[in-house]
Amino acid sequence: MSSTGLVLAAGSSRRMGSPKQLLQVRGKPLLELVVGQACDSSLDDVLVVLGAAADEIRGRVDFGRARVLVNPDHAAGMASSLKAGLASLARDVDRAVVILGDQPDVDAALLNRLLELEETSGLPAAALSFNGLLHPPVVLKRELWGDLMMLEGDVGCRAVIRARPELVARLPVETDLTHPVDVDTPADYERLANRVKG
């Protein structure tokens, strides 16, 4: 079964005030850390979707074995980047794993656990479950991609998996420290930096 990781990193970082993809986390740009974890996992392929500040990010991030796609319609919202990534995948790809480019705690082991969970569950999707809510990263078999291709605006795969939870195998996350929180604001980054120091 062929699986491709889609790392969504096309946002303009309006709440952060500067490209959050380039924030330093553990001595590396945030996006490089996330992409490196995806590349270290058992994913067959990794595709990074860029948009805002794409040239600057490409010049400062080591993408390893990952490929890069620039979404010219990124300003339309996350759905456009998700759809651009899916549309570019080869016909033999069975599963897409949607990974947000601002979740530094998503490591290779977690991605591998999600892939294995989806494969053994008999369900077409797998996601993290935190306080009863489903969160990315999300494994999605091709049969669900049609639902994703209908999304519009600044919504992503959460909209699909939360609307059809009976199709999703859940990987419970029990504590704040292991929940891969998005880094959206300067306050988020400060909390992450303090945790890393600790």
N, C-alpha and C. Protein backbone atom coordinates (compact mmCIF):
# COMPACT_ATOMS: atom_id res chain seq x y z
N MET A 1 0.85 -1.19 0.00
CA MET A 1 0.00 0.00 0.00
C MET A 1 0.88 1.24 0.00
N SER A 2 0.73 2.09 -1.00
CA SER A 2 1.57 3.28 -1.14
C SER A 2 0.97 4.46 -0.39
N SER A 3 1.80 5.13 0.41
CA SER A 3 1.33 6.25 1.23
C SER A 3 2.21 7.47 1.03
N THR A 4 1.57 8.62 0.83
CA THR A 4 2.29 9.88 0.68
C THR A 4 1.89 10.84 1.78
N GLY A 5 2.87 11.47 2.40
CA GLY A 5 2.60 12.50 3.39
C GLY A 5 2.44 13.85 2.71
N LEU A 6 1.37 14.54 3.02
CA LEU A 6 1.13 15.91 2.52
C LEU A 6 1.36 16.87 3.67
N VAL A 7 2.47 17.59 3.62
CA VAL A 7 2.77 18.58 4.66
C VAL A 7 2.25 19.93 4.18
N LEU A 8 1.21 20.44 4.85
CA LEU A 8 0.59 21.70 4.45
C LEU A 8 1.30 22.85 5.15
N ALA A 9 1.96 23.69 4.34
CA ALA A 9 2.77 24.79 4.90
C ALA A 9 2.69 26.03 4.01
N ALA A 10 1.49 26.32 3.51
CA ALA A 10 1.32 27.40 2.54
C ALA A 10 0.78 28.69 3.14
N GLY A 11 0.46 28.67 4.43
CA GLY A 11 -0.20 29.81 5.05
C GLY A 11 0.68 31.05 5.14
N SER A 12 0.00 32.19 5.32
CA SER A 12 0.71 33.48 5.36
C SER A 12 1.13 33.89 6.76
N SER A 13 0.81 33.09 7.77
CA SER A 13 1.23 33.35 9.16
C SER A 13 0.79 34.72 9.65
N ARG A 14 -0.44 35.11 9.32
CA ARG A 14 -0.93 36.44 9.70
C ARG A 14 -0.88 36.66 11.21
N ARG A 15 -1.29 35.64 11.99
CA ARG A 15 -1.32 35.82 13.44
C ARG A 15 0.08 35.85 14.05
N MET A 16 1.04 35.23 13.37
CA MET A 16 2.41 35.22 13.88
C MET A 16 3.13 36.51 13.53
N GLY A 17 2.84 37.08 12.36
CA GLY A 17 3.48 38.33 11.96
C GLY A 17 4.74 38.14 11.13
N SER A 18 5.22 36.91 11.02
CA SER A 18 6.36 36.55 10.17
C SER A 18 6.19 35.09 9.79
N PRO A 19 6.90 34.59 8.77
CA PRO A 19 6.70 33.20 8.33
C PRO A 19 7.00 32.21 9.46
N LYS A 20 5.96 31.58 9.99
CA LYS A 20 6.19 30.65 11.10
C LYS A 20 6.94 29.41 10.65
N GLN A 21 6.92 29.14 9.35
CA GLN A 21 7.67 27.99 8.84
C GLN A 21 9.15 28.11 9.16
N LEU A 22 9.63 29.35 9.38
CA LEU A 22 11.06 29.60 9.59
C LEU A 22 11.42 29.85 11.07
N LEU A 23 10.45 29.77 11.97
CA LEU A 23 10.75 29.93 13.39
C LEU A 23 11.74 28.86 13.84
N GLN A 24 12.69 29.24 14.66
CA GLN A 24 13.69 28.28 15.12
C GLN A 24 13.13 27.42 16.26
N VAL A 25 13.15 26.12 16.05
CA VAL A 25 12.70 25.16 17.06
C VAL A 25 13.75 24.04 17.11
N ARG A 26 14.34 23.84 18.29
CA ARG A 26 15.38 22.81 18.45
C ARG A 26 16.51 22.98 17.43
N GLY A 27 16.84 24.24 17.15
CA GLY A 27 17.98 24.54 16.29
C GLY A 27 17.71 24.47 14.80
N LYS A 28 16.44 24.30 14.41
CA LYS A 28 16.10 24.21 12.99
C LYS A 28 14.85 25.04 12.71
N PRO A 29 14.63 25.42 11.44
CA PRO A 29 13.35 26.03 11.10
C PRO A 29 12.22 25.05 11.41
N LEU A 30 11.11 25.56 11.93
CA LEU A 30 9.97 24.72 12.31
C LEU A 30 9.57 23.76 11.19
N LEU A 31 9.46 24.27 9.96
CA LEU A 31 9.04 23.41 8.86
C LEU A 31 10.06 22.31 8.58
N GLU A 32 11.34 22.62 8.69
CA GLU A 32 12.38 21.62 8.46
C GLU A 32 12.27 20.49 9.49
N LEU A 33 11.94 20.85 10.72
CA LEU A 33 11.76 19.84 11.77
C LEU A 33 10.59 18.91 11.43
N VAL A 34 9.46 19.50 11.03
CA VAL A 34 8.27 18.70 10.71
C VAL A 34 8.52 17.82 9.49
N VAL A 35 9.11 18.40 8.45
CA VAL A 35 9.38 17.63 7.22
C VAL A 35 10.38 16.51 7.51
N GLY A 36 11.39 16.78 8.33
CA GLY A 36 12.37 15.76 8.66
C GLY A 36 11.74 14.56 9.35
N GLN A 37 10.78 14.83 10.24
CA GLN A 37 10.08 13.72 10.92
C GLN A 37 9.28 12.90 9.91
N ALA A 38 8.61 13.59 8.97
CA ALA A 38 7.85 12.87 7.94
C ALA A 38 8.78 12.02 7.09
N CYS A 39 9.94 12.58 6.74
CA CYS A 39 10.90 11.84 5.91
C CYS A 39 11.49 10.65 6.65
N ASP A 40 11.56 10.72 7.98
CA ASP A 40 12.11 9.62 8.77
C ASP A 40 11.09 8.52 9.01
N SER A 41 9.83 8.76 8.69
CA SER A 41 8.77 7.78 8.91
C SER A 41 8.76 6.76 7.77
N SER A 42 7.81 5.84 7.83
CA SER A 42 7.70 4.81 6.80
C SER A 42 6.89 5.26 5.58
N LEU A 43 6.58 6.53 5.49
CA LEU A 43 5.90 7.06 4.31
C LEU A 43 6.74 6.80 3.06
N ASP A 44 6.08 6.40 1.99
CA ASP A 44 6.80 6.14 0.74
C ASP A 44 7.27 7.43 0.08
N ASP A 45 6.53 8.50 0.29
CA ASP A 45 6.82 9.77 -0.37
C ASP A 45 6.34 10.89 0.54
N VAL A 46 6.97 12.06 0.44
CA VAL A 46 6.56 13.23 1.21
C VAL A 46 6.48 14.42 0.26
N LEU A 47 5.34 15.10 0.30
CA LEU A 47 5.13 16.28 -0.54
C LEU A 47 4.80 17.46 0.37
N VAL A 48 5.56 18.55 0.22
CA VAL A 48 5.34 19.76 1.01
C VAL A 48 4.66 20.79 0.12
N VAL A 49 3.52 21.32 0.58
CA VAL A 49 2.79 22.34 -0.17
C VAL A 49 3.11 23.70 0.43
N LEU A 50 3.79 24.53 -0.35
CA LEU A 50 4.12 25.90 0.05
C LEU A 50 3.22 26.90 -0.66
N GLY A 51 3.22 28.14 -0.17
CA GLY A 51 2.44 29.20 -0.80
C GLY A 51 3.06 30.55 -0.49
N ALA A 52 2.63 31.17 0.61
CA ALA A 52 3.18 32.45 1.03
C ALA A 52 4.67 32.30 1.35
N ALA A 53 5.45 33.30 0.93
CA ALA A 53 6.91 33.33 1.19
C ALA A 53 7.62 32.07 0.70
N ALA A 54 7.10 31.46 -0.37
CA ALA A 54 7.65 30.18 -0.83
C ALA A 54 9.13 30.28 -1.19
N ASP A 55 9.54 31.34 -1.86
CA ASP A 55 10.94 31.46 -2.28
C ASP A 55 11.87 31.55 -1.07
N GLU A 56 11.47 32.35 -0.08
CA GLU A 56 12.30 32.51 1.12
C GLU A 56 12.40 31.18 1.86
N ILE A 57 11.27 30.49 1.98
CA ILE A 57 11.26 29.21 2.70
C ILE A 57 12.12 28.18 1.98
N ARG A 58 12.00 28.11 0.67
CA ARG A 58 12.81 27.13 -0.09
C ARG A 58 14.29 27.40 0.08
N GLY A 59 14.65 28.66 0.23
CA GLY A 59 16.06 29.01 0.37
C GLY A 59 16.64 28.71 1.75
N ARG A 60 15.77 28.50 2.74
CA ARG A 60 16.27 28.37 4.11
C ARG A 60 15.92 27.04 4.79
N VAL A 61 15.14 26.18 4.10
CA VAL A 61 14.72 24.91 4.69
C VAL A 61 15.31 23.74 3.90
N ASP A 62 15.87 22.78 4.62
CA ASP A 62 16.34 21.54 4.01
C ASP A 62 15.17 20.57 3.97
N PHE A 63 14.72 20.21 2.77
CA PHE A 63 13.55 19.36 2.63
C PHE A 63 13.89 17.87 2.55
N GLY A 64 15.15 17.53 2.63
CA GLY A 64 15.52 16.12 2.60
C GLY A 64 14.98 15.43 1.35
N ARG A 65 14.33 14.29 1.55
CA ARG A 65 13.80 13.54 0.40
C ARG A 65 12.43 14.04 -0.05
N ALA A 66 11.89 15.04 0.64
CA ALA A 66 10.56 15.54 0.30
C ALA A 66 10.58 16.35 -0.99
N ARG A 67 9.46 16.28 -1.70
CA ARG A 67 9.24 17.11 -2.88
C ARG A 67 8.47 18.36 -2.46
N VAL A 68 8.57 19.42 -3.27
CA VAL A 68 7.90 20.68 -2.95
C VAL A 68 6.96 21.07 -4.07
N LEU A 69 5.75 21.46 -3.69
CA LEU A 69 4.76 21.98 -4.62
C LEU A 69 4.35 23.36 -4.12
N VAL A 70 4.33 24.35 -5.01
CA VAL A 70 3.88 25.69 -4.63
C VAL A 70 2.44 25.89 -5.11
N ASN A 71 1.56 26.22 -4.18
CA ASN A 71 0.15 26.45 -4.49
C ASN A 71 -0.07 27.93 -4.79
N PRO A 72 -0.34 28.28 -6.05
CA PRO A 72 -0.52 29.70 -6.38
C PRO A 72 -1.80 30.28 -5.79
N ASP A 73 -2.74 29.43 -5.38
CA ASP A 73 -4.02 29.90 -4.83
C ASP A 73 -4.07 29.81 -3.31
N HIS A 74 -2.90 29.81 -2.66
CA HIS A 74 -2.85 29.59 -1.22
C HIS A 74 -3.68 30.60 -0.43
N ALA A 75 -3.82 31.82 -0.96
CA ALA A 75 -4.57 32.85 -0.24
C ALA A 75 -6.05 32.51 -0.10
N ALA A 76 -6.53 31.55 -0.89
CA ALA A 76 -7.94 31.13 -0.80
C ALA A 76 -8.19 30.27 0.44
N GLY A 77 -7.14 29.82 1.12
CA GLY A 77 -7.31 29.06 2.34
C GLY A 77 -6.73 27.66 2.26
N MET A 78 -6.74 26.98 3.40
CA MET A 78 -6.11 25.67 3.52
C MET A 78 -6.68 24.65 2.54
N ALA A 79 -7.99 24.74 2.26
CA ALA A 79 -8.61 23.75 1.37
C ALA A 79 -7.94 23.74 0.01
N SER A 80 -7.53 24.90 -0.48
CA SER A 80 -6.90 24.95 -1.81
C SER A 80 -5.56 24.23 -1.81
N SER A 81 -4.81 24.31 -0.72
CA SER A 81 -3.52 23.63 -0.64
C SER A 81 -3.70 22.13 -0.51
N LEU A 82 -4.69 21.73 0.27
CA LEU A 82 -5.00 20.31 0.42
C LEU A 82 -5.39 19.71 -0.93
N LYS A 83 -6.24 20.41 -1.66
CA LYS A 83 -6.69 19.91 -2.96
C LYS A 83 -5.56 19.90 -3.98
N ALA A 84 -4.70 20.92 -3.95
CA ALA A 84 -3.56 20.96 -4.88
C ALA A 84 -2.64 19.78 -4.62
N GLY A 85 -2.39 19.48 -3.36
CA GLY A 85 -1.53 18.36 -3.02
C GLY A 85 -2.12 17.04 -3.47
N LEU A 86 -3.40 16.81 -3.17
CA LEU A 86 -4.04 15.56 -3.56
C LEU A 86 -4.07 15.39 -5.07
N ALA A 87 -4.38 16.48 -5.78
CA ALA A 87 -4.49 16.41 -7.24
C ALA A 87 -3.16 16.06 -7.90
N SER A 88 -2.05 16.33 -7.21
CA SER A 88 -0.73 16.08 -7.80
C SER A 88 -0.24 14.65 -7.57
N LEU A 89 -0.93 13.88 -6.75
CA LEU A 89 -0.45 12.55 -6.40
C LEU A 89 -0.69 11.56 -7.53
N ALA A 90 0.22 10.62 -7.64
CA ALA A 90 0.13 9.59 -8.69
C ALA A 90 -1.05 8.66 -8.41
N ARG A 91 -1.52 8.01 -9.46
CA ARG A 91 -2.69 7.13 -9.34
C ARG A 91 -2.45 5.93 -8.43
N ASP A 92 -1.19 5.54 -8.26
CA ASP A 92 -0.93 4.36 -7.44
C ASP A 92 -0.82 4.66 -5.95
N VAL A 93 -1.03 5.92 -5.55
CA VAL A 93 -1.00 6.27 -4.13
C VAL A 93 -2.34 5.89 -3.52
N ASP A 94 -2.30 5.05 -2.49
CA ASP A 94 -3.53 4.56 -1.85
C ASP A 94 -3.97 5.43 -0.68
N ARG A 95 -2.98 6.01 0.02
CA ARG A 95 -3.29 6.77 1.23
C ARG A 95 -2.52 8.09 1.24
N ALA A 96 -3.20 9.14 1.68
CA ALA A 96 -2.54 10.41 1.94
C ALA A 96 -2.56 10.65 3.44
N VAL A 97 -1.44 11.12 3.96
CA VAL A 97 -1.36 11.46 5.38
C VAL A 97 -1.20 12.98 5.46
N VAL A 98 -2.24 13.65 5.93
CA VAL A 98 -2.23 15.10 6.01
C VAL A 98 -1.55 15.53 7.30
N ILE A 99 -0.46 16.28 7.14
CA ILE A 99 0.38 16.71 8.26
C ILE A 99 0.45 18.23 8.21
N LEU A 100 0.20 18.88 9.32
CA LEU A 100 0.29 20.34 9.36
C LEU A 100 1.74 20.75 9.59
N GLY A 101 2.18 21.75 8.85
CA GLY A 101 3.58 22.16 8.91
C GLY A 101 3.97 22.91 10.17
N ASP A 102 3.01 23.10 11.09
CA ASP A 102 3.32 23.84 12.32
C ASP A 102 3.07 23.00 13.57
N GLN A 103 3.24 21.67 13.44
CA GLN A 103 3.07 20.77 14.58
C GLN A 103 4.40 20.06 14.88
N PRO A 104 5.28 20.69 15.66
CA PRO A 104 6.62 20.14 15.87
C PRO A 104 6.66 18.84 16.64
N ASP A 105 5.58 18.49 17.35
CA ASP A 105 5.58 17.26 18.14
C ASP A 105 5.13 16.04 17.36
N VAL A 106 4.80 16.21 16.09
CA VAL A 106 4.44 15.06 15.26
C VAL A 106 5.74 14.40 14.79
N ASP A 107 6.11 13.30 15.41
CA ASP A 107 7.36 12.66 15.05
C ASP A 107 7.11 11.42 14.19
N ALA A 108 8.21 10.82 13.73
CA ALA A 108 8.12 9.68 12.82
C ALA A 108 7.37 8.52 13.47
N ALA A 109 7.61 8.28 14.76
CA ALA A 109 6.96 7.16 15.44
C ALA A 109 5.44 7.35 15.47
N LEU A 110 4.99 8.57 15.71
CA LEU A 110 3.55 8.85 15.73
C LEU A 110 2.94 8.62 14.36
N LEU A 111 3.60 9.08 13.32
CA LEU A 111 3.10 8.86 11.96
C LEU A 111 3.02 7.37 11.64
N ASN A 112 4.04 6.63 12.04
CA ASN A 112 4.03 5.18 11.80
C ASN A 112 2.89 4.49 12.55
N ARG A 113 2.62 4.94 13.77
CA ARG A 113 1.52 4.36 14.54
C ARG A 113 0.18 4.63 13.86
N LEU A 114 0.01 5.83 13.32
CA LEU A 114 -1.24 6.15 12.61
C LEU A 114 -1.41 5.31 11.35
N LEU A 115 -0.32 5.14 10.60
CA LEU A 115 -0.38 4.32 9.39
C LEU A 115 -0.76 2.89 9.72
N GLU A 116 -0.14 2.36 10.76
CA GLU A 116 -0.43 0.97 11.17
C GLU A 116 -1.86 0.84 11.68
N LEU A 117 -2.31 1.84 12.43
CA LEU A 117 -3.67 1.82 12.96
C LEU A 117 -4.70 1.79 11.84
N GLU A 118 -4.51 2.64 10.83
CA GLU A 118 -5.47 2.66 9.72
C GLU A 118 -5.47 1.31 9.01
N GLU A 119 -4.28 0.76 8.79
CA GLU A 119 -4.17 -0.49 8.04
C GLU A 119 -4.83 -1.66 8.77
N THR A 120 -4.69 -1.70 10.09
CA THR A 120 -5.23 -2.83 10.84
C THR A 120 -6.69 -2.64 11.25
N SER A 121 -7.19 -1.41 11.18
CA SER A 121 -8.54 -1.12 11.67
C SER A 121 -9.64 -1.53 10.70
N GLY A 122 -9.31 -1.59 9.42
CA GLY A 122 -10.34 -1.84 8.43
C GLY A 122 -11.14 -0.60 8.08
N LEU A 123 -10.78 0.54 8.66
CA LEU A 123 -11.45 1.81 8.38
C LEU A 123 -10.62 2.63 7.38
N PRO A 124 -11.28 3.56 6.66
CA PRO A 124 -10.56 4.31 5.63
C PRO A 124 -9.80 5.53 6.15
N ALA A 125 -9.80 5.75 7.46
CA ALA A 125 -9.09 6.91 8.00
C ALA A 125 -8.60 6.61 9.41
N ALA A 126 -7.56 7.35 9.83
CA ALA A 126 -7.07 7.30 11.20
C ALA A 126 -6.59 8.69 11.58
N ALA A 127 -6.81 9.07 12.83
CA ALA A 127 -6.43 10.40 13.28
C ALA A 127 -6.16 10.37 14.78
N LEU A 128 -5.55 11.45 15.27
CA LEU A 128 -5.38 11.61 16.70
C LEU A 128 -6.72 11.95 17.33
N SER A 129 -6.92 11.47 18.56
CA SER A 129 -8.12 11.81 19.32
C SER A 129 -7.67 12.48 20.61
N PHE A 130 -8.08 13.73 20.79
CA PHE A 130 -7.65 14.51 21.95
C PHE A 130 -8.89 15.11 22.60
N ASN A 131 -9.16 14.72 23.84
CA ASN A 131 -10.38 15.17 24.54
C ASN A 131 -11.63 14.90 23.72
N GLY A 132 -11.63 13.76 23.02
CA GLY A 132 -12.80 13.37 22.24
C GLY A 132 -12.90 13.97 20.87
N LEU A 133 -12.00 14.89 20.52
CA LEU A 133 -12.03 15.52 19.20
C LEU A 133 -10.93 14.94 18.31
N LEU A 134 -11.23 14.79 17.04
CA LEU A 134 -10.27 14.26 16.06
C LEU A 134 -9.38 15.39 15.54
N HIS A 135 -8.08 15.11 15.45
CA HIS A 135 -7.11 16.11 15.03
C HIS A 135 -6.12 15.51 14.02
N PRO A 136 -5.53 16.38 13.16
CA PRO A 136 -4.41 15.92 12.33
C PRO A 136 -3.20 15.65 13.21
N PRO A 137 -2.26 14.85 12.68
CA PRO A 137 -2.23 14.28 11.33
C PRO A 137 -3.32 13.23 11.12
N VAL A 138 -3.73 13.10 9.86
CA VAL A 138 -4.83 12.21 9.50
C VAL A 138 -4.42 11.35 8.32
N VAL A 139 -4.63 10.04 8.44
CA VAL A 139 -4.43 9.11 7.34
C VAL A 139 -5.77 8.97 6.61
N LEU A 140 -5.75 9.17 5.30
CA LEU A 140 -6.99 9.13 4.51
C LEU A 140 -6.79 8.26 3.27
N LYS A 141 -7.58 7.20 3.18
CA LYS A 141 -7.53 6.37 1.98
C LYS A 141 -8.19 7.11 0.82
N ARG A 142 -7.83 6.70 -0.38
CA ARG A 142 -8.27 7.39 -1.59
C ARG A 142 -9.79 7.51 -1.67
N GLU A 143 -10.52 6.56 -1.11
CA GLU A 143 -11.98 6.60 -1.21
C GLU A 143 -12.59 7.82 -0.53
N LEU A 144 -11.82 8.49 0.34
CA LEU A 144 -12.32 9.70 1.02
C LEU A 144 -11.85 10.99 0.35
N TRP A 145 -10.98 10.89 -0.63
CA TRP A 145 -10.41 12.10 -1.21
C TRP A 145 -11.47 12.95 -1.90
N GLY A 146 -12.52 12.32 -2.45
CA GLY A 146 -13.58 13.09 -3.10
C GLY A 146 -14.21 14.08 -2.15
N ASP A 147 -14.39 13.68 -0.88
CA ASP A 147 -14.93 14.60 0.12
C ASP A 147 -14.00 15.78 0.34
N LEU A 148 -12.71 15.52 0.35
CA LEU A 148 -11.74 16.59 0.56
C LEU A 148 -11.72 17.56 -0.62
N MET A 149 -11.90 17.03 -1.83
CA MET A 149 -11.84 17.88 -3.02
C MET A 149 -13.04 18.83 -3.12
N MET A 150 -14.04 18.63 -2.25
CA MET A 150 -15.21 19.51 -2.25
C MET A 150 -15.08 20.64 -1.23
N LEU A 151 -14.03 20.63 -0.43
CA LEU A 151 -13.85 21.66 0.59
C LEU A 151 -13.51 23.01 -0.03
N GLU A 152 -13.89 24.07 0.65
CA GLU A 152 -13.58 25.43 0.21
C GLU A 152 -13.15 26.26 1.41
N GLY A 153 -12.35 27.30 1.13
CA GLY A 153 -11.97 28.24 2.17
C GLY A 153 -10.90 27.73 3.10
N ASP A 154 -10.88 28.27 4.31
CA ASP A 154 -9.81 27.95 5.26
C ASP A 154 -10.22 26.78 6.16
N VAL A 155 -10.58 25.67 5.53
CA VAL A 155 -10.91 24.44 6.25
C VAL A 155 -10.06 23.32 5.66
N GLY A 156 -9.85 22.29 6.49
CA GLY A 156 -9.04 21.17 6.03
C GLY A 156 -9.71 19.85 6.34
N CYS A 157 -8.89 18.83 6.54
CA CYS A 157 -9.43 17.48 6.71
C CYS A 157 -10.21 17.31 8.00
N ARG A 158 -10.01 18.20 8.98
CA ARG A 158 -10.81 18.11 10.22
C ARG A 158 -12.30 18.11 9.89
N ALA A 159 -12.70 18.94 8.91
CA ALA A 159 -14.12 19.05 8.56
C ALA A 159 -14.68 17.71 8.10
N VAL A 160 -13.89 16.94 7.37
CA VAL A 160 -14.35 15.66 6.85
C VAL A 160 -14.37 14.60 7.94
N ILE A 161 -13.30 14.49 8.72
CA ILE A 161 -13.24 13.42 9.71
C ILE A 161 -14.20 13.66 10.88
N ARG A 162 -14.45 14.93 11.22
CA ARG A 162 -15.39 15.19 12.31
C ARG A 162 -16.84 15.03 11.85
N ALA A 163 -17.08 15.16 10.56
CA ALA A 163 -18.43 14.94 10.03
C ALA A 163 -18.75 13.46 9.89
N ARG A 164 -17.69 12.62 9.76
CA ARG A 164 -17.90 11.19 9.56
C ARG A 164 -17.00 10.39 10.52
N PRO A 165 -17.17 10.59 11.82
CA PRO A 165 -16.26 9.95 12.79
C PRO A 165 -16.32 8.43 12.79
N GLU A 166 -17.41 7.87 12.29
CA GLU A 166 -17.52 6.41 12.28
C GLU A 166 -16.55 5.77 11.30
N LEU A 167 -15.95 6.57 10.43
CA LEU A 167 -14.99 6.07 9.45
C LEU A 167 -13.54 6.21 9.92
N VAL A 168 -13.34 6.74 11.12
CA VAL A 168 -12.00 7.12 11.57
C VAL A 168 -11.55 6.27 12.76
N ALA A 169 -10.42 5.58 12.60
CA ALA A 169 -9.78 4.91 13.73
C ALA A 169 -9.07 5.97 14.56
N ARG A 170 -9.18 5.86 15.88
CA ARG A 170 -8.68 6.91 16.76
C ARG A 170 -7.42 6.47 17.50
N LEU A 171 -6.43 7.36 17.52
CA LEU A 171 -5.23 7.15 18.32
C LEU A 171 -5.29 8.14 19.48
N PRO A 172 -5.65 7.69 20.68
CA PRO A 172 -5.83 8.61 21.80
C PRO A 172 -4.53 9.30 22.20
N VAL A 173 -4.65 10.58 22.50
CA VAL A 173 -3.53 11.37 23.03
C VAL A 173 -3.97 11.85 24.40
N GLU A 174 -3.16 11.55 25.43
CA GLU A 174 -3.66 11.70 26.79
C GLU A 174 -3.19 12.95 27.51
N THR A 175 -2.07 13.52 27.13
CA THR A 175 -1.56 14.66 27.90
C THR A 175 -1.25 15.83 26.99
N ASP A 176 -1.24 17.02 27.59
CA ASP A 176 -0.91 18.23 26.84
C ASP A 176 0.48 18.13 26.22
N LEU A 177 1.42 17.51 26.94
CA LEU A 177 2.80 17.50 26.47
C LEU A 177 2.97 16.68 25.19
N THR A 178 2.11 15.68 24.96
CA THR A 178 2.26 14.89 23.75
C THR A 178 1.25 15.28 22.68
N HIS A 179 0.38 16.23 22.99
CA HIS A 179 -0.56 16.68 21.97
C HIS A 179 0.15 17.64 21.02
N PRO A 180 0.17 17.33 19.73
CA PRO A 180 0.91 18.19 18.78
C PRO A 180 0.15 19.47 18.46
N VAL A 181 0.30 20.45 19.35
CA VAL A 181 -0.42 21.70 19.21
C VAL A 181 0.14 22.52 18.05
N ASP A 182 -0.75 23.17 17.32
CA ASP A 182 -0.33 24.07 16.24
C ASP A 182 0.37 25.29 16.83
N VAL A 183 1.36 25.81 16.10
CA VAL A 183 2.03 27.04 16.49
C VAL A 183 1.49 28.14 15.59
N ASP A 184 0.54 28.93 16.12
CA ASP A 184 -0.13 29.94 15.29
C ASP A 184 0.19 31.37 15.68
N THR A 185 0.51 31.60 16.95
CA THR A 185 0.69 32.96 17.46
C THR A 185 2.03 33.09 18.19
N PRO A 186 2.48 34.34 18.42
CA PRO A 186 3.70 34.50 19.22
C PRO A 186 3.60 33.84 20.59
N ALA A 187 2.41 33.83 21.20
CA ALA A 187 2.23 33.18 22.51
C ALA A 187 2.42 31.67 22.39
N ASP A 188 1.93 31.08 21.30
CA ASP A 188 2.14 29.64 21.08
C ASP A 188 3.63 29.34 20.98
N TYR A 189 4.33 30.18 20.23
CA TYR A 189 5.77 29.95 20.03
C TYR A 189 6.53 30.11 21.34
N GLU A 190 6.12 31.09 22.14
CA GLU A 190 6.79 31.29 23.44
C GLU A 190 6.59 30.08 24.34
N ARG A 191 5.37 29.53 24.36
CA ARG A 191 5.11 28.34 25.18
C ARG A 191 5.96 27.16 24.70
N LEU A 192 6.05 27.01 23.36
CA LEU A 192 6.86 25.93 22.81
C LEU A 192 8.32 26.12 23.17
N ALA A 193 8.84 27.34 23.03
CA ALA A 193 10.24 27.61 23.34
C ALA A 193 10.55 27.33 24.80
N ASN A 194 9.63 27.71 25.69
CA ASN A 194 9.84 27.47 27.12
C ASN A 194 9.82 25.98 27.43
N ARG A 195 8.95 25.24 26.75
CA ARG A 195 8.86 23.80 26.98
C ARG A 195 10.13 23.10 26.51
N VAL A 196 10.65 23.53 25.35
CA VAL A 196 11.86 22.94 24.81
C VAL A 196 13.05 23.19 25.75
N LYS A 197 13.11 24.41 26.29
CA LYS A 197 14.19 24.73 27.23
C LYS A 197 14.10 23.86 28.49
N GLY A 198 12.83 23.62 28.91
CA GLY A 198 12.64 22.84 30.14
C GLY A 198 13.00 21.39 29.94
